[in-house]
N, C-alpha and C. Protein backbone atom coordinates (compact mmCIF):
# COMPACT_ATOMS: atom_id res chain seq x y z
N UNK A 1 68.84 47.67 107.04
CA UNK A 1 68.95 48.82 108.18
C UNK A 1 68.15 50.10 107.73
N UNK A 2 67.23 50.92 107.96
CA UNK A 2 66.61 52.09 107.18
C UNK A 2 67.87 53.06 107.52
N UNK A 3 68.51 52.77 107.34
CA UNK A 3 69.76 55.10 107.20
C UNK A 3 68.41 55.30 106.68
N UNK A 4 68.20 55.69 105.39
CA UNK A 4 67.54 56.96 105.58
C UNK A 4 66.32 57.26 106.23
N UNK A 5 65.91 56.58 106.99
CA UNK A 5 65.25 57.47 108.14
C UNK A 5 65.82 57.60 109.19
N UNK A 6 67.07 57.08 109.46
CA UNK A 6 67.73 57.47 110.25
C UNK A 6 68.90 58.93 110.44
N UNK A 7 68.72 59.08 109.45
CA UNK A 7 69.39 59.90 108.91
C UNK A 7 68.94 61.68 109.18
N UNK A 8 67.18 61.76 108.47
CA UNK A 8 66.51 63.00 109.36
C UNK A 8 66.75 62.49 110.66
N UNK A 9 66.91 61.95 111.51
CA UNK A 9 66.47 62.21 113.13
C UNK A 9 68.31 62.99 113.75
N UNK A 10 68.87 62.60 112.66
CA UNK A 10 70.37 63.31 113.10
C UNK A 10 70.84 64.70 112.77
N UNK A 11 70.05 64.49 111.92
CA UNK A 11 70.37 65.78 111.49
C UNK A 11 69.87 67.13 112.11
N UNK A 12 68.41 66.20 112.30
CA UNK A 12 67.30 67.39 113.95
C UNK A 12 68.11 67.44 114.67
N UNK A 13 68.53 66.19 115.22
CA UNK A 13 69.49 66.60 116.41
C UNK A 13 70.40 66.97 116.43
N UNK A 14 71.65 67.38 115.33
CA UNK A 14 72.14 68.38 115.34
C UNK A 14 71.88 69.62 115.28
N UNK A 15 71.22 70.09 114.63
CA UNK A 15 70.24 71.13 114.34
C UNK A 15 69.88 72.12 115.78
N UNK A 16 69.13 71.17 116.67
CA UNK A 16 68.75 71.81 118.04
C UNK A 16 69.76 71.49 118.68
N UNK A 17 70.93 71.02 118.55
CA UNK A 17 72.41 71.48 119.15
C UNK A 17 73.08 72.67 118.85
N UNK A 18 73.02 73.04 118.01
CA UNK A 18 74.14 74.09 117.39
C UNK A 18 72.69 75.08 117.12
N UNK A 19 71.65 75.30 117.40
CA UNK A 19 70.62 76.53 117.84
C UNK A 19 70.96 76.98 119.21
N UNK A 20 71.27 76.17 119.88
CA UNK A 20 71.09 76.86 121.42
C UNK A 20 73.11 77.29 121.55
N UNK A 21 73.51 77.16 120.74
CA UNK A 21 74.78 77.38 120.73
C UNK A 21 74.62 79.31 120.59
N UNK A 22 75.92 79.66 121.47
CA UNK A 22 75.82 81.34 121.30
C UNK A 22 77.11 81.91 120.57
N UNK A 23 77.09 81.04 119.59
CA UNK A 23 78.85 81.33 118.83
C UNK A 23 78.82 82.97 118.75
N UNK A 24 79.97 83.10 118.93
CA UNK A 24 80.21 84.50 118.95
C UNK A 24 80.46 84.92 120.37
N UNK A 25 79.50 84.88 121.54
CA UNK A 25 79.42 85.73 122.24
C UNK A 25 80.39 85.79 123.06
N UNK A 26 81.35 84.58 123.42
CA UNK A 26 82.54 84.50 124.17
C UNK A 26 82.05 85.43 125.17
N UNK A 27 81.56 84.79 126.55
CA UNK A 27 80.71 84.77 127.69
C UNK A 27 80.81 86.70 127.91
N UNK A 28 80.43 87.53 126.78
CA UNK A 28 80.49 89.10 127.09
C UNK A 28 79.33 89.22 127.89
N UNK A 29 79.31 90.15 128.87
CA UNK A 29 78.26 90.63 129.09
C UNK A 29 77.20 92.04 128.36
N UNK A 30 76.05 91.69 128.19
CA UNK A 30 75.29 92.29 127.48
C UNK A 30 75.98 93.54 127.84
N UNK A 31 76.05 94.52 128.78
CA UNK A 31 75.98 95.69 129.33
C UNK A 31 77.34 95.82 129.66
N UNK A 32 78.29 96.99 129.01
CA UNK A 32 79.86 96.58 129.62
C UNK A 32 79.92 97.12 131.39
N UNK A 33 78.89 98.07 131.73
CA UNK A 33 78.95 98.26 133.81
C UNK A 33 78.90 96.94 133.82
N UNK A 34 78.17 96.10 133.94
CA UNK A 34 77.78 94.37 134.27
C UNK A 34 79.38 94.58 134.70
N UNK A 35 80.04 94.00 133.40
CA UNK A 35 81.25 93.81 133.39
C UNK A 35 82.53 94.34 134.40
N UNK A 36 82.43 96.16 134.41
CA UNK A 36 83.44 96.68 135.45
C UNK A 36 82.41 96.09 136.64
N UNK A 37 81.50 96.31 137.32
CA UNK A 37 80.94 96.08 138.60
C UNK A 37 81.77 94.48 138.81
N UNK A 38 81.33 93.36 137.79
CA UNK A 38 82.65 92.52 138.36
C UNK A 38 84.15 92.85 138.38
N UNK A 39 84.63 93.98 137.95
CA UNK A 39 85.72 93.96 138.14
C UNK A 39 85.78 94.04 139.63
N UNK A 40 84.85 95.53 140.05
CA UNK A 40 85.02 96.36 141.33
C UNK A 40 85.22 95.64 142.50
N UNK A 41 84.01 94.61 142.08
CA UNK A 41 83.25 93.88 143.48
C UNK A 41 84.07 93.02 144.14
N UNK A 42 84.15 92.80 145.38
CA UNK A 42 84.77 92.28 146.58
C UNK A 42 84.88 92.76 147.20
N UNK A 43 86.14 92.40 148.35
CA UNK A 43 86.71 93.20 149.73
C UNK A 43 88.18 93.19 149.46
N UNK A 44 88.51 94.75 149.20
CA UNK A 44 89.56 95.66 148.93
C UNK A 44 90.10 95.98 150.18
N UNK A 45 91.52 95.33 150.77
CA UNK A 45 91.91 96.15 152.22
C UNK A 45 93.14 97.01 151.54
N UNK A 46 93.63 97.47 152.17
CA UNK A 46 94.53 99.25 152.06
C UNK A 46 95.99 97.70 152.40
N UNK A 47 96.89 97.77 150.99
CA UNK A 47 98.67 97.14 151.39
C UNK A 47 98.98 98.56 152.10
N UNK A 48 99.94 98.03 153.31
CA UNK A 48 100.61 98.50 153.92
C UNK A 48 99.74 100.21 154.06
N UNK A 49 101.19 101.50 153.57
CA UNK A 49 100.67 103.04 153.56
C UNK A 49 100.81 103.39 152.46
N UNK A 50 99.58 102.62 151.35
CA UNK A 50 98.90 103.02 150.45
C UNK A 50 98.04 104.17 149.95
N UNK A 51 97.42 105.12 150.91
CA UNK A 51 96.73 105.95 151.10
C UNK A 51 97.64 107.27 151.90
N UNK A 52 97.22 108.15 150.48
CA UNK A 52 97.89 109.30 150.59
C UNK A 52 96.69 110.98 150.36
N UNK A 53 97.18 111.61 151.40
CA UNK A 53 96.50 112.97 150.73
C UNK A 53 97.53 114.24 150.49
N UNK A 54 97.45 114.60 149.34
CA UNK A 54 98.06 115.67 148.40
C UNK A 54 99.40 115.03 148.52
N UNK A 55 99.42 113.80 147.82
CA UNK A 55 100.74 113.16 147.73
C UNK A 55 101.16 112.95 149.48
N UNK A 56 100.84 113.53 150.89
CA UNK A 56 101.43 112.24 151.73
C UNK A 56 101.30 111.41 152.28
N UNK A 57 101.91 110.98 152.24
CA UNK A 57 101.01 109.33 153.15
C UNK A 57 100.62 109.27 154.62
N UNK A 58 99.39 108.73 154.47
CA UNK A 58 99.00 108.83 155.33
C UNK A 58 98.37 107.88 156.61
N UNK A 59 98.32 107.65 157.90
CA UNK A 59 98.55 106.57 158.96
C UNK A 59 96.87 106.47 158.95
N UNK A 60 96.69 105.01 159.66
CA UNK A 60 95.45 104.99 160.51
C UNK A 60 94.64 104.24 159.85
N UNK A 61 94.95 104.21 158.16
CA UNK A 61 94.28 102.91 157.09
C UNK A 61 94.86 101.92 157.35
N UNK A 62 95.56 101.11 158.20
CA UNK A 62 96.65 99.91 158.19
C UNK A 62 95.63 98.92 158.25
N UNK A 63 94.00 98.61 158.23
CA UNK A 63 92.96 97.96 158.46
C UNK A 63 92.04 98.11 157.37
N UNK A 64 91.91 99.13 157.23
CA UNK A 64 90.86 99.77 155.97
C UNK A 64 90.41 98.69 154.91
N UNK A 65 88.98 98.47 155.18
CA UNK A 65 88.91 97.75 154.28
C UNK A 65 87.74 98.26 153.22
N UNK A 66 87.48 98.34 152.09
CA UNK A 66 86.52 99.07 151.09
C UNK A 66 85.95 97.27 150.41
N UNK A 67 83.98 97.41 151.36
CA UNK A 67 84.16 96.04 150.04
C UNK A 67 82.45 96.64 149.50
N UNK A 68 82.37 96.51 148.15
CA UNK A 68 82.00 96.51 147.06
C UNK A 68 80.96 95.57 146.70
N UNK A 69 79.62 96.32 146.90
CA UNK A 69 78.75 94.46 145.99
C UNK A 69 77.96 95.04 145.07
N UNK A 70 76.96 94.77 144.44
CA UNK A 70 76.14 95.14 143.69
C UNK A 70 75.74 93.66 142.63
N UNK A 71 74.35 94.22 142.49
CA UNK A 71 73.80 93.19 141.24
C UNK A 71 73.69 93.73 139.57
N UNK A 72 73.15 93.06 138.63
CA UNK A 72 73.64 93.63 137.35
C UNK A 72 72.81 94.21 137.08
N UNK A 73 71.91 94.61 137.43
CA UNK A 73 70.50 95.06 137.75
C UNK A 73 70.92 96.77 137.85
N UNK A 74 71.84 96.71 139.47
CA UNK A 74 72.54 97.86 139.81
C UNK A 74 73.58 98.32 139.07
N UNK A 75 74.12 97.46 138.56
CA UNK A 75 75.18 97.75 137.33
C UNK A 75 74.87 98.76 136.45
N UNK A 76 73.80 98.61 135.92
CA UNK A 76 73.25 98.99 134.27
C UNK A 76 72.56 100.44 134.92
N UNK A 77 72.06 100.47 136.46
CA UNK A 77 70.98 101.29 136.40
C UNK A 77 71.21 102.57 137.79
N UNK A 78 72.36 102.12 138.24
CA UNK A 78 73.32 102.77 139.74
C UNK A 78 73.01 102.13 140.85
N UNK A 79 73.26 102.77 141.41
CA UNK A 79 73.65 102.47 143.20
C UNK A 79 73.88 101.26 143.79
N UNK A 80 74.85 101.04 143.43
CA UNK A 80 75.35 99.40 144.01
C UNK A 80 76.06 99.90 144.86
N UNK A 81 76.98 99.10 146.24
CA UNK A 81 76.75 99.50 147.13
C UNK A 81 78.36 99.09 147.59
N UNK A 82 78.67 100.22 148.83
CA UNK A 82 79.44 99.78 149.90
C UNK A 82 79.72 99.81 150.52
N UNK A 83 80.97 99.58 151.88
CA UNK A 83 80.82 99.21 153.41
C UNK A 83 82.25 99.28 153.33
N UNK A 84 82.68 100.24 154.35
CA UNK A 84 83.91 100.21 154.89
C UNK A 84 83.92 99.63 156.24
N UNK A 85 84.96 99.22 156.05
CA UNK A 85 85.41 98.91 158.31
C UNK A 85 86.85 98.75 158.05
N UNK A 86 87.00 98.64 159.56
CA UNK A 86 88.71 98.71 159.90
C UNK A 86 89.53 99.99 160.04
N UNK A 87 88.50 100.73 161.01
CA UNK A 87 88.98 102.39 160.82
C UNK A 87 88.48 102.46 162.46
N UNK A 88 89.54 103.54 163.21
CA UNK A 88 89.09 103.15 164.59
C UNK A 88 87.88 104.39 165.37
N UNK A 89 87.52 103.96 165.80
CA UNK A 89 86.29 105.34 166.52
C UNK A 89 86.80 106.76 166.34
N UNK A 90 86.06 107.17 165.78
CA UNK A 90 86.26 108.74 165.94
C UNK A 90 87.53 109.47 164.54
N UNK A 91 87.99 108.37 164.01
CA UNK A 91 89.05 108.52 163.09
C UNK A 91 88.02 109.21 161.95
N UNK A 92 89.36 110.27 161.98
CA UNK A 92 88.81 111.07 160.30
C UNK A 92 88.92 110.54 159.02
N UNK A 93 87.50 110.44 158.00
CA UNK A 93 87.98 109.75 157.07
C UNK A 93 87.06 110.71 156.00
N UNK A 94 87.37 110.89 154.85
CA UNK A 94 87.25 110.98 153.80
C UNK A 94 85.80 109.89 153.63
N UNK A 95 85.53 108.84 154.17
CA UNK A 95 84.79 107.59 153.53
C UNK A 95 83.55 107.39 154.78
N UNK A 96 82.32 107.43 154.38
CA UNK A 96 81.58 106.92 155.42
C UNK A 96 81.61 105.34 155.53
N UNK A 97 80.72 105.03 156.64
CA UNK A 97 80.88 103.55 157.09
C UNK A 97 79.90 102.96 155.65
N UNK A 98 78.67 103.07 155.07
CA UNK A 98 78.71 102.65 153.54
C UNK A 98 78.10 103.35 153.24
N UNK A 99 77.74 103.52 151.81
CA UNK A 99 77.43 104.06 150.66
C UNK A 99 76.92 103.48 149.44
N UNK A 100 76.74 104.45 148.35
CA UNK A 100 76.31 103.44 147.08
C UNK A 100 77.09 104.16 146.59
N UNK A 101 77.62 104.12 144.90
CA UNK A 101 78.32 104.27 143.60
C UNK A 101 77.43 103.88 143.03
N UNK A 102 77.35 104.84 141.66
CA UNK A 102 76.89 105.09 140.58
C UNK A 102 78.50 104.70 139.06
N UNK A 103 77.99 104.41 137.70
CA UNK A 103 79.56 104.56 136.88
C UNK A 103 78.90 106.05 136.38
N UNK A 104 79.37 106.46 135.54
CA UNK A 104 79.14 107.50 134.84
C UNK A 104 78.32 107.31 133.91
N UNK A 105 77.60 108.61 133.86
CA UNK A 105 76.66 108.15 132.41
C UNK A 105 77.05 107.52 131.39
N UNK A 106 78.00 108.24 131.07
CA UNK A 106 78.85 108.23 129.77
C UNK A 106 79.47 106.48 129.81
N UNK A 107 79.45 105.78 128.30
CA UNK A 107 80.31 104.09 128.89
C UNK A 107 81.26 104.22 128.88
N UNK A 108 81.90 105.27 127.65
CA UNK A 108 83.33 105.52 127.59
C UNK A 108 84.14 105.34 128.83
N UNK A 109 83.42 106.40 129.65
CA UNK A 109 84.05 107.06 130.85
C UNK A 109 84.05 106.17 131.97
N UNK A 110 82.48 105.47 132.07
CA UNK A 110 82.17 104.43 133.21
C UNK A 110 83.36 103.69 133.61
N UNK A 111 84.49 102.84 132.41
CA UNK A 111 84.82 101.86 132.79
C UNK A 111 86.34 102.76 133.80
N UNK A 112 86.23 103.78 133.89
CA UNK A 112 87.11 104.50 135.06
C UNK A 112 87.03 105.66 135.56
N UNK A 113 84.86 106.18 135.72
CA UNK A 113 85.00 106.54 136.95
C UNK A 113 83.39 106.42 137.18
N UNK A 114 83.25 106.63 139.23
CA UNK A 114 82.42 106.19 139.48
C UNK A 114 82.11 107.56 140.39
N UNK A 115 80.67 107.55 140.98
CA UNK A 115 80.50 108.90 141.75
C UNK A 115 79.38 108.39 143.03
N UNK A 116 80.11 108.75 143.65
CA UNK A 116 79.64 107.83 145.13
C UNK A 116 78.25 108.75 145.49
N UNK A 117 77.81 107.91 146.63
CA UNK A 117 76.36 108.57 146.95
C UNK A 117 76.35 110.23 147.06
N UNK A 118 77.85 110.70 147.77
CA UNK A 118 77.35 112.26 148.33
C UNK A 118 78.16 112.88 147.29
N UNK A 119 78.21 112.67 145.99
CA UNK A 119 78.29 113.61 144.72
C UNK A 119 80.21 113.60 144.37
N UNK A 120 81.15 112.45 144.83
CA UNK A 120 81.97 112.72 144.63
C UNK A 120 82.76 111.73 143.80
N UNK A 121 83.30 112.53 142.86
CA UNK A 121 83.63 111.55 141.37
C UNK A 121 84.85 110.75 141.75
N UNK A 122 84.65 109.23 141.64
CA UNK A 122 86.86 108.88 141.75
C UNK A 122 86.22 107.85 141.01
N UNK A 123 87.94 108.77 140.14
CA UNK A 123 88.64 107.76 139.36
C UNK A 123 89.43 106.40 139.69
N UNK A 124 88.95 105.56 139.31
CA UNK A 124 88.97 104.05 139.64
C UNK A 124 89.97 103.26 138.38
N UNK A 125 90.81 102.35 138.75
CA UNK A 125 91.37 101.31 137.76
C UNK A 125 91.33 100.00 138.80
N UNK A 126 91.66 99.19 137.81
CA UNK A 126 91.54 97.55 138.31
C UNK A 126 92.42 96.90 137.68
N UNK A 127 93.53 96.45 137.84
CA UNK A 127 94.83 95.84 137.39
C UNK A 127 94.97 94.90 138.29
N UNK A 128 94.62 93.46 137.82
CA UNK A 128 94.97 92.51 138.65
C UNK A 128 94.17 92.41 139.40
N UNK A 129 94.88 92.08 140.56
CA UNK A 129 94.39 92.21 142.52
C UNK A 129 94.55 93.26 142.90
N UNK A 130 94.15 94.87 141.90
CA UNK A 130 94.76 95.67 142.86
C UNK A 130 93.73 97.20 142.09
N UNK A 131 93.07 97.32 143.14
CA UNK A 131 92.29 98.65 142.85
C UNK A 131 93.03 99.74 143.20
N UNK A 132 92.79 101.31 142.47
CA UNK A 132 93.47 102.89 142.82
C UNK A 132 92.34 103.37 142.60
N UNK A 133 92.31 104.00 143.78
CA UNK A 133 91.14 104.88 143.87
C UNK A 133 91.76 106.68 143.88
N UNK A 134 91.42 107.39 143.01
CA UNK A 134 91.50 109.12 143.09
C UNK A 134 90.67 109.48 143.16
N UNK A 135 90.67 110.48 143.94
CA UNK A 135 89.06 112.01 144.01
C UNK A 135 89.81 112.63 144.96
N UNK A 136 88.70 113.73 144.86
CA UNK A 136 89.48 115.30 145.32
C UNK A 136 88.23 115.53 146.50
N UNK A 137 88.45 115.04 147.63
CA UNK A 137 87.12 115.28 148.47
C UNK A 137 87.34 116.51 148.89
N UNK A 138 85.86 117.44 149.02
CA UNK A 138 85.72 119.05 149.80
C UNK A 138 84.79 118.99 150.50
N UNK A 139 84.73 117.78 151.34
CA UNK A 139 83.47 117.58 151.87
C UNK A 139 83.46 117.84 153.34
N UNK A 140 82.54 117.95 154.48
CA UNK A 140 83.29 117.61 156.17
C UNK A 140 83.29 116.03 156.00
N UNK A 141 84.11 116.01 157.35
CA UNK A 141 84.54 114.70 157.58
C UNK A 141 83.22 113.23 157.82
N UNK A 142 83.34 112.42 157.74
CA UNK A 142 82.69 111.24 158.36
C UNK A 142 82.92 110.97 159.73
N UNK A 143 83.73 112.59 160.37
CA UNK A 143 83.82 112.04 162.02
C UNK A 143 83.84 112.93 162.57
N UNK A 144 83.96 113.94 163.71
CA UNK A 144 83.41 115.08 164.39
C UNK A 144 85.15 115.25 164.22
N UNK A 145 85.87 115.94 163.34
CA UNK A 145 87.10 116.98 163.17
C UNK A 145 86.82 117.90 162.65
N UNK A 146 88.11 118.45 162.15
CA UNK A 146 88.37 119.20 161.36
C UNK A 146 87.81 119.10 159.58
N UNK A 147 87.74 120.06 159.09
CA UNK A 147 87.10 119.73 157.65
C UNK A 147 88.66 120.00 156.91
N UNK A 148 89.62 120.74 157.09
CA UNK A 148 90.50 120.29 156.47
C UNK A 148 91.21 119.20 156.70
N UNK A 149 90.96 118.39 157.35
CA UNK A 149 92.07 116.74 157.86
C UNK A 149 91.18 116.55 156.57
N UNK A 150 90.46 116.71 156.22
CA UNK A 150 90.15 115.53 154.81
C UNK A 150 89.89 116.25 153.67
N UNK A 151 90.24 117.78 153.56
CA UNK A 151 89.93 117.88 151.88
C UNK A 151 91.37 117.67 151.13
N UNK A 152 90.93 118.07 149.98
CA UNK A 152 92.39 117.66 149.00
C UNK A 152 91.79 116.09 148.42
N UNK A 153 93.21 116.16 147.40
CA UNK A 153 93.27 114.73 146.39
C UNK A 153 93.93 113.32 147.35
N UNK A 154 92.77 112.22 147.42
CA UNK A 154 92.88 111.32 147.84
C UNK A 154 93.72 110.37 146.65
N UNK A 155 94.24 109.29 147.38
CA UNK A 155 94.66 107.97 146.79
C UNK A 155 94.55 106.93 147.45
N UNK A 156 93.95 105.86 147.44
CA UNK A 156 94.05 104.64 148.12
C UNK A 156 94.67 103.34 146.86
N UNK A 157 95.48 102.84 147.37
CA UNK A 157 95.89 101.46 146.68
C UNK A 157 95.13 100.60 147.29
N UNK A 158 94.55 99.37 147.38
CA UNK A 158 94.20 98.78 147.79
C UNK A 158 93.94 97.07 147.18
N UNK A 159 93.93 96.14 147.59
CA UNK A 159 94.33 94.92 146.90
C UNK A 159 93.00 94.01 147.46
N UNK A 160 93.18 93.04 146.36
CA UNK A 160 91.93 91.89 147.20
C UNK A 160 92.54 90.78 147.49
């Protein structure tokens, strides 16, 4: 048996196998914003009466759904999308039917703040299957209604 001839082939095979290893990578995304978007992406629904305006419970959001979508490139460069559904026609809301988000420019802040396409900054927190959104809305409602009906501090607690 020619063991000395097989040993170099075995060493080359082992070297090829190990060179493909991503040791220490642990599956982390190269840009933290990609991970942030992955935690935000999905269909989020309001859990019963978990919508408040200036600390007062709001009705009419029982069927509200926020769908957040986007690619890795959109997470890094901004403008990942959202759509909303489940609100009655003509319902006064601080949410448009669709739009975009972008992460805050600072990576440290991007883990907790996004900016909507209408320049509303939204604080967010994801814990397990719960998404909490907090924002101060001072714009016009996305339906024909009095502006005073939507202005103020909003909190949405949604679940996947």
